[in-house]
C-alpha atoms as a PDB file:
ATOM      1  CA  MET A   1      10.214  92.233  95.650  1.00  0.00           C
ATOM      2  CA  ARG A   2       7.689  91.809  99.142  1.00  0.00           C
ATOM      3  CA  LYS A   3      10.891  90.897 100.860  1.00  0.00           C
ATOM      4  CA  LEU A   4      12.622  93.903  99.545  1.00  0.00           C
ATOM      5  CA  ILE A   5       9.924  96.606 100.120  1.00  0.00           C
ATOM      6  CA  TRP A   6      10.173  94.984 103.827  1.00  0.00           C
ATOM      7  CA  THR A   7      13.660  95.454 104.102  1.00  0.00           C
ATOM      8  CA  VAL A   8      13.300  98.921 103.095  1.00  0.00           C
ATOM      9  CA  ALA A   9      10.494  99.574 105.336  1.00  0.00           C
ATOM     10  CA  PHE A  10      12.442  98.197 108.333  1.00  0.00           C
ATOM     11  CA  GLY A  11      15.558 100.000 107.329  1.00  0.00           C
ATOM     12  CA  ILE A  12      13.887 103.180 107.480  1.00  0.00           C
ATOM     13  CA  THR A  13      11.945 103.219 110.637  1.00  0.00           C
ATOM     14  CA  ALA A  14      15.694 102.060 112.415  1.00  0.00           C
ATOM     15  CA  MET A  15      16.564 105.035 111.258  1.00  0.00           C
ATOM     16  CA  SER A  16      14.125 107.424 111.943  1.00  0.00           C
ATOM     17  CA  ALA A  17      14.349 106.085 115.469  1.00  0.00           C
ATOM     18  CA  LEU A  18      18.229 106.454 116.064  1.00  0.00           C
ATOM     19  CA  ALA A  19      17.793 110.193 114.435  1.00  0.00           C
ATOM     20  CA  PRO A  20      17.962 112.904 117.552  1.00  0.00           C
ATOM     21  CA  ALA A  21      14.455 114.633 117.795  1.00  0.00           C
ATOM     22  CA  TYR A  22      15.042 118.178 117.235  1.00  0.00           C
ATOM     23  CA  ALA A  23      11.459 120.168 117.745  1.00  0.00           C
ATOM     24  CA  GLU A  24      10.274 122.494 115.292  1.00  0.00           C
ATOM     25  CA  ILE A  25      12.153 126.055 115.277  1.00  0.00           C
ATOM     26  CA  LYS A  26       9.680 128.834 115.406  1.00  0.00           C
ATOM     27  CA  VAL A  27      11.485 132.253 116.060  1.00  0.00           C
ATOM     28  CA  SER A  28       9.871 135.841 114.994  1.00  0.00           C
ATOM     29  CA  LYS A  29      11.042 137.933 112.743  1.00  0.00           C
ATOM     30  CA  GLU A  30      13.135 140.743 113.404  1.00  0.00           C
ATOM     31  CA  ASP A  31      10.952 143.832 114.664  1.00  0.00           C
ATOM     32  CA  ALA A  32      12.470 147.364 114.804  1.00  0.00           C
ATOM     33  CA  THR A  33       9.892 148.530 117.364  1.00  0.00           C
ATOM     34  CA  LYS A  34      11.201 145.911 118.933  1.00  0.00           C
ATOM     35  CA  PRO A  35      13.816 146.962 122.304  1.00  0.00           C
ATOM     36  CA  TYR A  36      17.650 146.007 121.020  1.00  0.00           C
ATOM     37  CA  LEU A  37      20.350 145.098 122.986  1.00  0.00           C
ATOM     38  CA  PHE A  38      21.930 147.883 124.344  1.00  0.00           C
ATOM     39  CA  ASP A  39      18.694 149.256 125.393  1.00  0.00           C
ATOM     40  CA  VAL A  40      17.726 146.039 127.715  1.00  0.00           C
ATOM     41  CA  THR A  41      21.357 145.768 129.071  1.00  0.00           C
ATOM     42  CA  LYS A  42      21.108 149.450 130.184  1.00  0.00           C
ATOM     43  CA  LYS A  43      17.131 148.958 131.509  1.00  0.00           C
ATOM     44  CA  ASP A  44      16.997 145.880 133.095  1.00  0.00           C
ATOM     45  CA  PRO A  45      18.937 143.909 135.616  1.00  0.00           C
ATOM     46  CA  ALA A  46      17.602 140.535 135.372  1.00  0.00           C
ATOM     47  CA  ILE A  47      19.083 140.647 131.610  1.00  0.00           C
ATOM     48  CA  ARG A  48      22.252 142.723 132.775  1.00  0.00           C
ATOM     49  CA  LYS A  49      22.465 139.844 135.531  1.00  0.00           C
ATOM     50  CA  ALA A  50      22.088 136.758 133.102  1.00  0.00           C
ATOM     51  CA  LEU A  51      24.623 138.101 130.326  1.00  0.00           C
ATOM     52  CA  THR A  52      27.230 138.764 133.270  1.00  0.00           C
ATOM     53  CA  ALA A  53      27.119 135.272 134.383  1.00  0.00           C
ATOM     54  CA  LEU A  54      27.253 133.952 130.740  1.00  0.00           C
ATOM     55  CA  PHE A  55      30.439 135.708 130.151  1.00  0.00           C
ATOM     56  CA  LYS A  56      32.009 135.188 133.570  1.00  0.00           C
ATOM     57  CA  GLY A  57      34.808 132.673 133.040  1.00  0.00           C
ATOM     58  CA  GLU A  58      34.962 132.508 129.336  1.00  0.00           C
ATOM     59  CA  LYS A  59      37.857 134.108 126.942  1.00  0.00           C
ATOM     60  CA  LEU A  60      36.085 136.003 124.947  1.00  0.00           C
ATOM     61  CA  PRO A  61      36.574 138.364 122.014  1.00  0.00           C
ATOM     62  CA  ASP A  62      37.454 142.275 122.822  1.00  0.00           C
ATOM     63  CA  TRP A  63      34.527 143.549 121.393  1.00  0.00           C
ATOM     64  CA  THR A  64      31.977 141.228 123.239  1.00  0.00           C
ATOM     65  CA  THR A  65      32.957 143.409 127.000  1.00  0.00           C
ATOM     66  CA  GLU A  66      31.535 146.332 124.531  1.00  0.00           C
ATOM     67  CA  ILE A  67      27.844 144.657 125.118  1.00  0.00           C
ATOM     68  CA  LEU A  68      27.831 144.932 129.308  1.00  0.00           C
ATOM     69  CA  SER A  69      29.731 148.598 128.853  1.00  0.00           C
ATOM     70  CA  GLY A  70      27.413 150.067 126.494  1.00  0.00           C
ATOM     71  CA  GLY A  71      29.913 150.827 124.261  1.00  0.00           C
ATOM     72  CA  ASN A  72      30.494 149.875 120.283  1.00  0.00           C
ATOM     73  CA  TYR A  73      29.286 147.301 119.133  1.00  0.00           C
ATOM     74  CA  VAL A  74      26.152 146.365 116.401  1.00  0.00           C
ATOM     75  CA  ALA A  75      22.890 144.752 117.276  1.00  0.00           C
ATOM     76  CA  GLY A  76      19.496 143.839 116.110  1.00  0.00           C
ATOM     77  CA  ALA A  77      16.130 144.237 117.890  1.00  0.00           C
ATOM     78  CA  GLN A  78      14.773 141.535 120.145  1.00  0.00           C
ATOM     79  CA  ARG A  79      13.110 138.158 118.442  1.00  0.00           C
ATOM     80  CA  VAL A  80      10.635 136.018 120.564  1.00  0.00           C
ATOM     81  CA  VAL A  81      11.335 132.619 120.287  1.00  0.00           C
ATOM     82  CA  GLU A  82       7.534 130.866 119.634  1.00  0.00           C
ATOM     83  CA  ALA A  83       9.328 126.933 119.871  1.00  0.00           C
ATOM     84  CA  PRO A  84      10.517 124.601 121.285  1.00  0.00           C
ATOM     85  CA  VAL A  85      11.404 127.185 124.164  1.00  0.00           C
ATOM     86  CA  ALA A  86       8.565 129.355 123.975  1.00  0.00           C
ATOM     87  CA  GLY A  87       8.645 133.211 125.443  1.00  0.00           C
ATOM     88  CA  ALA A  88      12.766 133.212 125.357  1.00  0.00           C
ATOM     89  CA  PHE A  89      14.172 136.004 123.628  1.00  0.00           C
ATOM     90  CA  VAL A  90      16.532 136.045 120.921  1.00  0.00           C
ATOM     91  CA  TYR A  91      19.247 139.150 120.542  1.00  0.00           C
ATOM     92  CA  ASP A  92      22.329 139.397 118.519  1.00  0.00           C
ATOM     93  CA  ALA A  93      25.447 141.510 118.646  1.00  0.00           C
ATOM     94  CA  CYS A  94      28.630 142.021 116.050  1.00  0.00           C
ATOM     95  CA  MET A  95      31.685 143.251 115.833  1.00  0.00           C
ATOM     96  CA  PRO A  96      31.515 146.877 113.767  1.00  0.00           C
ATOM     97  CA  HIS A  97      32.787 146.078 110.347  1.00  0.00           C
ATOM     98  CA  ASP A  98      32.617 142.377 110.553  1.00  0.00           C
ATOM     99  CA  CYS A  99      29.739 141.082 111.565  1.00  0.00           C
ATOM    100  CA  PHE A 100      29.460 138.207 109.784  1.00  0.00           C
ATOM    101  CA  ASP A 101      32.607 136.393 110.699  1.00  0.00           C
ATOM    102  CA  ASN A 102      32.678 138.017 114.449  1.00  0.00           C
ATOM    103  CA  ARG A 103      28.953 138.094 116.091  1.00  0.00           C
ATOM    104  CA  LEU A 104      27.006 136.474 118.907  1.00  0.00           C
ATOM    105  CA  GLU A 105      23.651 134.847 118.968  1.00  0.00           C
ATOM    106  CA  ILE A 106      21.984 135.298 122.380  1.00  0.00           C
ATOM    107  CA  LEU A 107      19.095 133.582 123.873  1.00  0.00           C
ATOM    108  CA  ILE A 108      17.557 134.996 127.378  1.00  0.00           C
ATOM    109  CA  THR A 109      15.101 132.500 129.021  1.00  0.00           C
ATOM    110  CA  ALA A 110      11.486 133.937 129.438  1.00  0.00           C
ATOM    111  CA  ASP A 111      12.291 134.538 133.291  1.00  0.00           C
ATOM    112  CA  LYS A 112      15.730 136.312 132.051  1.00  0.00           C
ATOM    113  CA  SER A 113      17.498 134.146 134.712  1.00  0.00           C
ATOM    114  CA  ARG A 114      19.613 132.461 132.308  1.00  0.00           C
ATOM    115  CA  ALA A 115      21.383 133.312 128.889  1.00  0.00           C
ATOM    116  CA  PHE A 116      22.953 131.230 126.454  1.00  0.00           C
ATOM    117  CA  GLY A 117      25.259 132.026 123.241  1.00  0.00           C
ATOM    118  CA  LEU A 118      26.550 130.813 119.920  1.00  0.00           C
ATOM    119  CA  LEU A 119      29.769 132.960 119.315  1.00  0.00           C
ATOM    120  CA  LYS A 120      31.231 132.943 115.836  1.00  0.00           C
ATOM    121  CA  GLU A 121      34.611 133.928 116.077  1.00  0.00           C
ATOM    122  CA  ASP A 122      36.763 133.857 112.835  1.00  0.00           C
ATOM    123  CA  GLY A 123      34.289 131.638 110.958  1.00  0.00           C
ATOM    124  CA  LYS A 124      34.455 129.071 113.927  1.00  0.00           C
ATOM    125  CA  SER A 125      31.533 128.826 116.265  1.00  0.00           C
ATOM    126  CA  ARG A 126      30.989 127.670 119.410  1.00  0.00           C
ATOM    127  CA  PHE A 127      28.168 127.484 122.252  1.00  0.00           C
ATOM    128  CA  LEU A 128      28.829 129.781 125.496  1.00  0.00           C
ATOM    129  CA  GLY A 129      26.532 128.581 128.650  1.00  0.00           C
ATOM    130  CA  LYS A 130      26.107 125.470 127.904  1.00  0.00           C
ATOM    131  CA  PRO A 131      22.815 125.113 125.944  1.00  0.00           C
ATOM    132  CA  ASP A 132      20.710 121.900 125.625  1.00  0.00           C
ATOM    133  CA  GLN A 133      19.572 120.372 122.455  1.00  0.00           C
ATOM    134  CA  ASP A 134      16.500 122.749 121.842  1.00  0.00           C
ATOM    135  CA  VAL A 135      18.037 125.861 122.798  1.00  0.00           C
ATOM    136  CA  GLY A 136      21.419 125.348 120.606  1.00  0.00           C
ATOM    137  CA  ALA A 137      19.217 124.665 117.817  1.00  0.00           C
ATOM    138  CA  ILE A 138      17.577 127.940 117.996  1.00  0.00           C
ATOM    139  CA  LEU A 139      21.118 129.756 118.257  1.00  0.00           C
ATOM    140  CA  LYS A 140      22.287 128.033 115.265  1.00  0.00           C
ATOM    141  CA  SER A 141      19.058 128.490 113.254  1.00  0.00           C
ATOM    142  CA  VAL A 142      19.602 132.169 113.891  1.00  0.00           C
ATOM    143  CA  GLN A 143      22.909 132.687 113.031  1.00  0.00           C
ATOM    144  CA  PRO A 144      23.147 133.746 109.784  1.00  0.00           C
ATOM    145  CA  GLN A 145      25.325 130.688 107.109  1.00  0.00           C
END
């Protein structure tokens, strides 16, 4: 019995050492008093520049071009990341009348120099901007399943 307990304990320890270490993800709830994506793209040149860089060279659905032009898309209010990338902002945008299957989660770094995205198009998701493990985990955590 003692041998079995040691074998199980060793196995659990070995497995936990091999598992990727994900930080605890904390993102504030959506707050209608916070700015919306369509507001910040008009008023904040740094965010506009980060989004332009994110979209450059990407094959994106037509509705996403509306984000920079201020056109027809649906957006939620800003959320603030508390951990693991403190101070970053998360926004979401989606295609009108089809938000569940056609949406974009966007993370803007605290200094507003970079943007990363998780695009869900026709039910399939892909990252934009090559996010690291923490940023990718944040984007996945805020995308409705």
